[in-house]
């Protein structure tokens, strides 16, 4: 049996984790909204070093590659602003 233990990140960093399976337009939009709300919460608390985690590889790729401006999801455009 392998034991996994949460490890403390570098000081000053927080993580927003929005895991969940998606396959439909609404589901992806819901995860983008959850990510946006998590980021807004972290930013409101003064954190600027925020790591995001999601098992939605399409959403992560869109954000990492700066493709939010050309995306149909308002939430993704707002994340990248």
Protein backbone atom coordinates (compact mmCIF):
# COMPACT_ATOMS: atom_id res chain seq x y z
CA UNK A 1 0.00 0.00 0.00
CA UNK A 2 1.34 3.39 -0.99
CA UNK A 3 0.66 6.26 1.33
CA UNK A 4 0.12 9.69 -0.11
CA UNK A 5 0.41 12.70 2.06
CA UNK A 6 -0.46 16.27 1.31
CA UNK A 7 2.64 18.40 1.05
CA UNK A 8 2.76 22.05 1.99
CA UNK A 9 3.42 24.27 -1.02
CA UNK A 10 5.84 27.14 -1.07
CA UNK A 11 4.94 30.00 1.23
CA UNK A 12 2.64 32.52 -0.42
CA UNK A 13 1.10 30.07 -2.90
CA UNK A 14 -2.45 28.71 -2.87
CA UNK A 15 -4.12 26.11 -5.07
CA UNK A 16 -7.55 26.19 -6.69
CA UNK A 17 -8.61 22.63 -7.52
CA UNK A 18 -11.62 22.10 -9.78
CA UNK A 19 -11.61 18.41 -10.63
CA UNK A 20 -14.61 16.82 -12.28
CA UNK A 21 -15.43 14.85 -15.40
CA UNK A 22 -16.86 16.81 -18.29
CA UNK A 23 -18.19 15.94 -21.69
CA UNK A 24 -20.88 18.52 -22.39
CA UNK A 25 -20.94 22.25 -23.01
CA UNK A 26 -22.68 22.97 -19.72
CA UNK A 27 -20.29 20.85 -17.69
CA UNK A 28 -17.21 22.58 -19.10
CA UNK A 29 -18.82 25.97 -18.50
CA UNK A 30 -19.62 24.95 -14.91
CA UNK A 31 -16.02 23.96 -14.25
CA UNK A 32 -14.77 27.20 -15.83
CA UNK A 33 -17.17 29.10 -13.55
CA UNK A 34 -15.92 27.20 -10.48
CA UNK A 35 -12.34 28.00 -11.43
CA UNK A 36 -13.17 31.68 -11.94
CA UNK A 37 -14.91 31.87 -8.56
CA UNK A 38 -11.97 30.13 -6.86
CA UNK A 39 -9.51 32.55 -8.45
CA UNK A 40 -11.65 35.56 -7.48
CA UNK A 41 -11.71 34.30 -3.90
CA UNK A 42 -7.92 33.82 -3.81
CA UNK A 43 -7.31 37.24 -5.39
CA UNK A 44 -9.72 38.90 -2.92
CA UNK A 45 -7.68 37.39 -0.07
CA UNK A 46 -4.55 38.97 -1.54
CA UNK A 47 -2.98 35.90 -3.14
CA UNK A 48 -1.33 36.53 -6.49
CA UNK A 49 0.54 33.24 -6.71
CA UNK A 50 -2.24 30.80 -7.49
CA UNK A 51 -1.80 27.30 -8.88
CA UNK A 52 -4.79 25.83 -10.68
CA UNK A 53 -5.53 22.13 -10.95
CA UNK A 54 -8.18 20.42 -13.03
CA UNK A 55 -8.60 17.06 -14.70
CA UNK A 56 -10.23 18.83 -17.66
CA UNK A 57 -7.27 18.88 -20.05
CA UNK A 58 -9.12 20.97 -22.65
CA UNK A 59 -9.84 23.73 -20.14
CA UNK A 60 -6.27 23.69 -18.82
CA UNK A 61 -4.82 23.84 -22.36
CA UNK A 62 -7.05 26.80 -23.28
CA UNK A 63 -5.91 28.73 -20.21
CA UNK A 64 -2.21 27.80 -20.50
CA UNK A 65 -2.04 28.72 -24.18
CA UNK A 66 -3.82 32.06 -23.83
CA UNK A 67 -6.76 31.04 -26.00
CA UNK A 68 -9.42 32.54 -23.76
CA UNK A 69 -10.01 35.60 -25.97
CA UNK A 70 -11.12 33.33 -28.81
CA UNK A 71 -13.27 31.10 -26.63
CA UNK A 72 -17.05 30.88 -26.34
CA UNK A 73 -16.92 30.69 -22.54
CA UNK A 74 -17.12 34.10 -20.88
CA UNK A 75 -15.59 32.62 -17.72
CA UNK A 76 -12.39 31.68 -19.54
CA UNK A 77 -12.06 35.15 -21.04
CA UNK A 78 -12.47 36.64 -17.55
CA UNK A 79 -9.81 34.30 -16.09
CA UNK A 80 -7.26 35.54 -18.60
CA UNK A 81 -7.99 39.25 -18.09
